Amino acid sequence: MMPQTHGMNIMYRSENMTVKANHERIVRLEDDVSEIQERLTNLEMKHIDLMARLDVIVKGVKVIIAIVGASLGVDLGIEGGMI
């Protein structure tokens, strides 16, 4: 009969593991956590950079729309307005 795992990965768990095996497992897990932290930091920096670029693009598009709207308003004689 299989032990109740509650969805946990028990591939590396065993009551028969030695102290050395447990220590090696802990070191591997700590290395994995460090790598994941580095990746997360890298993704956060890329996200911030991308959001800043998108903000600049959106502001540029707003300026272009304002210029086009103003020029159409002047050319067509429309009073008051922007599109």
Protein backbone atom coordinates (compact mmCIF):
# COMPACT_ATOMS: atom_id res chain seq x y z
CA MET A 1 0.00 0.00 0.00
CA MET A 2 1.35 3.44 -1.01
CA PRO A 3 1.75 6.07 1.72
CA GLN A 4 -0.52 9.11 1.69
CA THR A 5 1.46 11.93 0.01
CA HIS A 6 -1.14 14.73 -0.28
CA GLY A 7 0.25 15.65 -3.72
CA MET A 8 3.86 15.91 -2.57
CA ASN A 9 6.71 14.62 -4.70
CA ILE A 10 8.29 11.86 -2.63
CA MET A 11 10.69 10.65 -5.32
CA TYR A 12 13.69 11.70 -3.22
CA ARG A 13 12.17 10.98 0.17
CA SER A 14 12.87 7.82 2.01
CA GLU A 15 13.22 6.74 5.58
CA ASN A 16 16.38 4.92 4.51
CA MET A 17 18.24 8.03 3.26
CA THR A 18 21.59 8.64 4.90
CA VAL A 19 22.69 11.91 6.42
CA LYS A 20 25.05 12.37 3.47
CA ALA A 21 22.25 11.77 0.95
CA ASN A 22 20.00 14.21 2.80
CA HIS A 23 22.76 16.82 2.88
CA GLU A 24 23.40 16.42 -0.87
CA ARG A 25 19.67 16.75 -1.49
CA ILE A 26 19.52 19.93 0.61
CA VAL A 27 22.51 21.41 -1.24
CA ARG A 28 20.87 20.65 -4.61
CA LEU A 29 17.61 22.23 -3.46
CA GLU A 30 19.41 25.34 -2.19
CA ASP A 31 21.18 25.64 -5.56
CA ASP A 32 17.84 25.31 -7.33
CA VAL A 33 16.31 28.00 -5.13
CA SER A 34 19.26 30.32 -5.84
CA GLU A 35 18.88 29.77 -9.58
CA ILE A 36 15.14 30.43 -9.40
CA GLN A 37 15.77 33.65 -7.45
CA GLU A 38 18.23 34.82 -10.12
CA ARG A 39 15.74 34.03 -12.87
CA LEU A 40 12.95 35.83 -11.02
CA THR A 41 15.13 38.92 -10.55
CA ASN A 42 16.02 38.86 -14.25
CA LEU A 43 12.35 38.56 -15.24
CA GLU A 44 11.38 41.40 -12.90
CA MET A 45 14.01 43.67 -14.47
CA LYS A 46 12.85 42.75 -17.98
CA HIS A 47 9.23 43.43 -16.96
CA ILE A 48 10.10 46.86 -15.58
CA ASP A 49 12.03 47.70 -18.77
CA LEU A 50 9.18 46.51 -20.98
CA MET A 51 6.57 48.49 -19.03
CA ALA A 52 8.70 51.64 -19.31
CA ARG A 53 9.02 51.14 -23.06
CA LEU A 54 5.29 50.57 -23.44
CA ASP A 55 4.59 53.72 -21.43
CA VAL A 56 6.79 55.74 -23.79
CA ILE A 57 5.04 54.23 -26.82
CA VAL A 58 1.58 54.98 -25.40
CA LYS A 59 2.55 58.58 -24.65
CA GLY A 60 3.97 58.95 -28.16
CA VAL A 61 0.77 57.62 -29.71
CA LYS A 62 -1.28 60.05 -27.62
CA VAL A 63 0.85 62.94 -28.87
CA ILE A 64 0.48 61.78 -32.48
CA ILE A 65 -3.29 61.46 -32.07
CA ALA A 66 -3.44 64.96 -30.56
CA ILE A 67 -1.40 66.40 -33.45
CA VAL A 68 -3.50 64.62 -36.08
CA GLY A 69 -6.71 65.66 -34.34
CA ALA A 70 -5.60 69.26 -34.11
CA SER A 71 -4.53 69.38 -37.72
CA LEU A 72 -7.78 67.80 -38.90
CA GLY A 73 -9.73 70.24 -36.79
CA VAL A 74 -7.92 73.19 -38.33
CA ASP A 75 -8.08 71.82 -41.86
CA LEU A 76 -11.78 70.93 -41.72
CA GLY A 77 -12.79 74.01 -39.76
CA ILE A 78 -14.20 71.99 -36.88
CA GLU A 79 -14.46 74.12 -33.79
CA GLY A 80 -13.48 72.91 -30.37
CA GLY A 81 -11.90 69.98 -31.16
CA MET A 82 -9.90 67.00 -30.94
CA ILE A 83 -10.86 63.59 -32.13
